[in-house]
């Protein structure tokens, strides 16, 4: 079943993004926007986000990822756009990899 109007976003955020509440920030922002997906820390100090929503919703989330919460310092955000798989029912935190 196709999710009409929905697309996928995979983002990796680099900078001072662990230990500053970044994942909780992403969850709150994604839920406020109605975006589904997940967020997790990576072994090399980055934060990874997989999200699905409309282009407008995901562009807004992306702008928030580029800013981050108050104590974060974002150096770069790598972005890949794709199709929505429709596998998420909400937005959650996944175990770090």
C-alpha atoms as a PDB file:
ATOM      1  CA  UNK A   1       0.000   0.000   0.000  1.00  0.00           C
ATOM      2  CA  UNK A   2       1.439   3.349  -1.080  1.00  0.00           C
ATOM      3  CA  UNK A   3       1.440   6.254   1.365  1.00  0.00           C
ATOM      4  CA  UNK A   4       0.369   9.020  -0.961  1.00  0.00           C
ATOM      5  CA  UNK A   5       2.107  12.309  -0.355  1.00  0.00           C
ATOM      6  CA  UNK A   6       4.557  10.805   2.125  1.00  0.00           C
ATOM      7  CA  UNK A   7       8.297  10.610   1.568  1.00  0.00           C
ATOM      8  CA  UNK A   8      11.264   9.405   3.571  1.00  0.00           C
ATOM      9  CA  UNK A   9      14.184  11.307   5.057  1.00  0.00           C
ATOM     10  CA  UNK A  10      17.403   9.816   6.380  1.00  0.00           C
ATOM     11  CA  UNK A  11      19.676  12.317   8.138  1.00  0.00           C
ATOM     12  CA  UNK A  12      22.952  12.047  10.018  1.00  0.00           C
ATOM     13  CA  UNK A  13      23.780  14.973  12.284  1.00  0.00           C
ATOM     14  CA  UNK A  14      27.410  15.739  13.142  1.00  0.00           C
ATOM     15  CA  UNK A  15      28.718  17.986  15.892  1.00  0.00           C
ATOM     16  CA  UNK A  16      28.250  18.200  19.631  1.00  0.00           C
ATOM     17  CA  UNK A  17      25.034  16.190  19.476  1.00  0.00           C
ATOM     18  CA  UNK A  18      25.370  13.478  22.128  1.00  0.00           C
ATOM     19  CA  UNK A  19      24.868  14.172  25.824  1.00  0.00           C
ATOM     20  CA  UNK A  20      22.956  17.388  25.118  1.00  0.00           C
ATOM     21  CA  UNK A  21      19.373  16.098  24.820  1.00  0.00           C
ATOM     22  CA  UNK A  22      19.435  15.932  21.037  1.00  0.00           C
ATOM     23  CA  UNK A  23      17.421  12.711  20.707  1.00  0.00           C
ATOM     24  CA  UNK A  24      14.707  13.950  23.082  1.00  0.00           C
ATOM     25  CA  UNK A  25      14.641  17.218  21.114  1.00  0.00           C
ATOM     26  CA  UNK A  26      14.179  15.325  17.825  1.00  0.00           C
ATOM     27  CA  UNK A  27      11.387  13.179  19.276  1.00  0.00           C
ATOM     28  CA  UNK A  28       9.503  16.225  20.587  1.00  0.00           C
ATOM     29  CA  UNK A  29       9.879  18.143  17.312  1.00  0.00           C
ATOM     30  CA  UNK A  30       8.928  15.140  15.161  1.00  0.00           C
ATOM     31  CA  UNK A  31       5.864  14.384  17.267  1.00  0.00           C
ATOM     32  CA  UNK A  32       4.777  18.037  17.153  1.00  0.00           C
ATOM     33  CA  UNK A  33       5.034  17.941  13.346  1.00  0.00           C
ATOM     34  CA  UNK A  34       3.267  14.579  13.023  1.00  0.00           C
ATOM     35  CA  UNK A  35       6.356  12.910  11.549  1.00  0.00           C
ATOM     36  CA  UNK A  36       6.941   9.173  12.101  1.00  0.00           C
ATOM     37  CA  UNK A  37      10.241   7.312  12.382  1.00  0.00           C
ATOM     38  CA  UNK A  38      13.137   7.019  14.819  1.00  0.00           C
ATOM     39  CA  UNK A  39      16.301   8.624  16.161  1.00  0.00           C
ATOM     40  CA  UNK A  40      19.452   7.057  17.628  1.00  0.00           C
ATOM     41  CA  UNK A  41      23.045   7.814  18.578  1.00  0.00           C
ATOM     42  CA  UNK A  42      25.809   6.279  16.485  1.00  0.00           C
ATOM     43  CA  UNK A  43      29.056   4.802  17.787  1.00  0.00           C
ATOM     44  CA  UNK A  44      31.080   7.665  16.274  1.00  0.00           C
ATOM     45  CA  UNK A  45      29.313  10.515  18.081  1.00  0.00           C
ATOM     46  CA  UNK A  46      26.638  11.382  15.524  1.00  0.00           C
ATOM     47  CA  UNK A  47      22.843  11.249  15.664  1.00  0.00           C
ATOM     48  CA  UNK A  48      20.937   9.340  12.977  1.00  0.00           C
ATOM     49  CA  UNK A  49      17.320  10.079  12.048  1.00  0.00           C
ATOM     50  CA  UNK A  50      14.934   8.109   9.826  1.00  0.00           C
ATOM     51  CA  UNK A  51      11.648   9.925   9.290  1.00  0.00           C
ATOM     52  CA  UNK A  52       8.540   9.843   7.121  1.00  0.00           C
ATOM     53  CA  UNK A  53       6.023  12.573   6.420  1.00  0.00           C
ATOM     54  CA  UNK A  54       5.077  15.129   3.815  1.00  0.00           C
ATOM     55  CA  UNK A  55       7.840  17.156   2.182  1.00  0.00           C
ATOM     56  CA  UNK A  56       6.752  20.237   4.153  1.00  0.00           C
ATOM     57  CA  UNK A  57       6.839  18.365   7.473  1.00  0.00           C
ATOM     58  CA  UNK A  58      10.252  16.867   6.769  1.00  0.00           C
ATOM     59  CA  UNK A  59      11.738  20.178   5.580  1.00  0.00           C
ATOM     60  CA  UNK A  60      10.620  21.701   8.890  1.00  0.00           C
ATOM     61  CA  UNK A  61      12.149  18.819  10.850  1.00  0.00           C
ATOM     62  CA  UNK A  62      15.360  19.189   8.847  1.00  0.00           C
ATOM     63  CA  UNK A  63      15.600  22.873   9.724  1.00  0.00           C
ATOM     64  CA  UNK A  64      15.270  21.919  13.392  1.00  0.00           C
ATOM     65  CA  UNK A  65      17.949  19.220  13.028  1.00  0.00           C
ATOM     66  CA  UNK A  66      20.316  21.837  11.617  1.00  0.00           C
ATOM     67  CA  UNK A  67      19.767  23.979  14.720  1.00  0.00           C
ATOM     68  CA  UNK A  68      19.375  21.368  17.464  1.00  0.00           C
ATOM     69  CA  UNK A  69      18.578  21.981  21.130  1.00  0.00           C
ATOM     70  CA  UNK A  70      20.186  24.802  23.115  1.00  0.00           C
ATOM     71  CA  UNK A  71      23.359  22.961  24.199  1.00  0.00           C
ATOM     72  CA  UNK A  72      24.048  21.281  20.843  1.00  0.00           C
ATOM     73  CA  UNK A  73      26.481  22.510  18.212  1.00  0.00           C
ATOM     74  CA  UNK A  74      25.613  21.176  14.751  1.00  0.00           C
ATOM     75  CA  UNK A  75      28.488  21.098  12.255  1.00  0.00           C
ATOM     76  CA  UNK A  76      26.778  19.300   9.385  1.00  0.00           C
ATOM     77  CA  UNK A  77      23.681  17.333   8.424  1.00  0.00           C
ATOM     78  CA  UNK A  78      23.915  14.693   5.699  1.00  0.00           C
ATOM     79  CA  UNK A  79      20.537  14.137   4.038  1.00  0.00           C
ATOM     80  CA  UNK A  80      19.111  11.439   1.793  1.00  0.00           C
ATOM     81  CA  UNK A  81      15.546  11.598   0.488  1.00  0.00           C
ATOM     82  CA  UNK A  82      13.620   8.478  -0.466  1.00  0.00           C
ATOM     83  CA  UNK A  83      10.290   6.743  -0.554  1.00  0.00           C
ATOM     84  CA  UNK A  84       8.167   6.270   2.536  1.00  0.00           C
ATOM     85  CA  UNK A  85       7.844   2.639   3.563  1.00  0.00           C
ATOM     86  CA  UNK A  86       4.885   3.279   5.850  1.00  0.00           C
ATOM     87  CA  UNK A  87       6.370   1.064   8.559  1.00  0.00           C
ATOM     88  CA  UNK A  88       6.273   3.546  11.460  1.00  0.00           C
ATOM     89  CA  UNK A  89       3.273   4.326  13.651  1.00  0.00           C
ATOM     90  CA  UNK A  90       4.945   7.024  15.735  1.00  0.00           C
ATOM     91  CA  UNK A  91       8.358   8.507  16.451  1.00  0.00           C
ATOM     92  CA  UNK A  92      10.700   6.729  18.864  1.00  0.00           C
ATOM     93  CA  UNK A  93      14.237   6.374  20.115  1.00  0.00           C
ATOM     94  CA  UNK A  94      16.184   3.342  18.942  1.00  0.00           C
ATOM     95  CA  UNK A  95      19.113   1.712  20.642  1.00  0.00           C
ATOM     96  CA  UNK A  96      22.464   3.277  19.797  1.00  0.00           C
ATOM     97  CA  UNK A  97      24.684   1.621  17.208  1.00  0.00           C
END
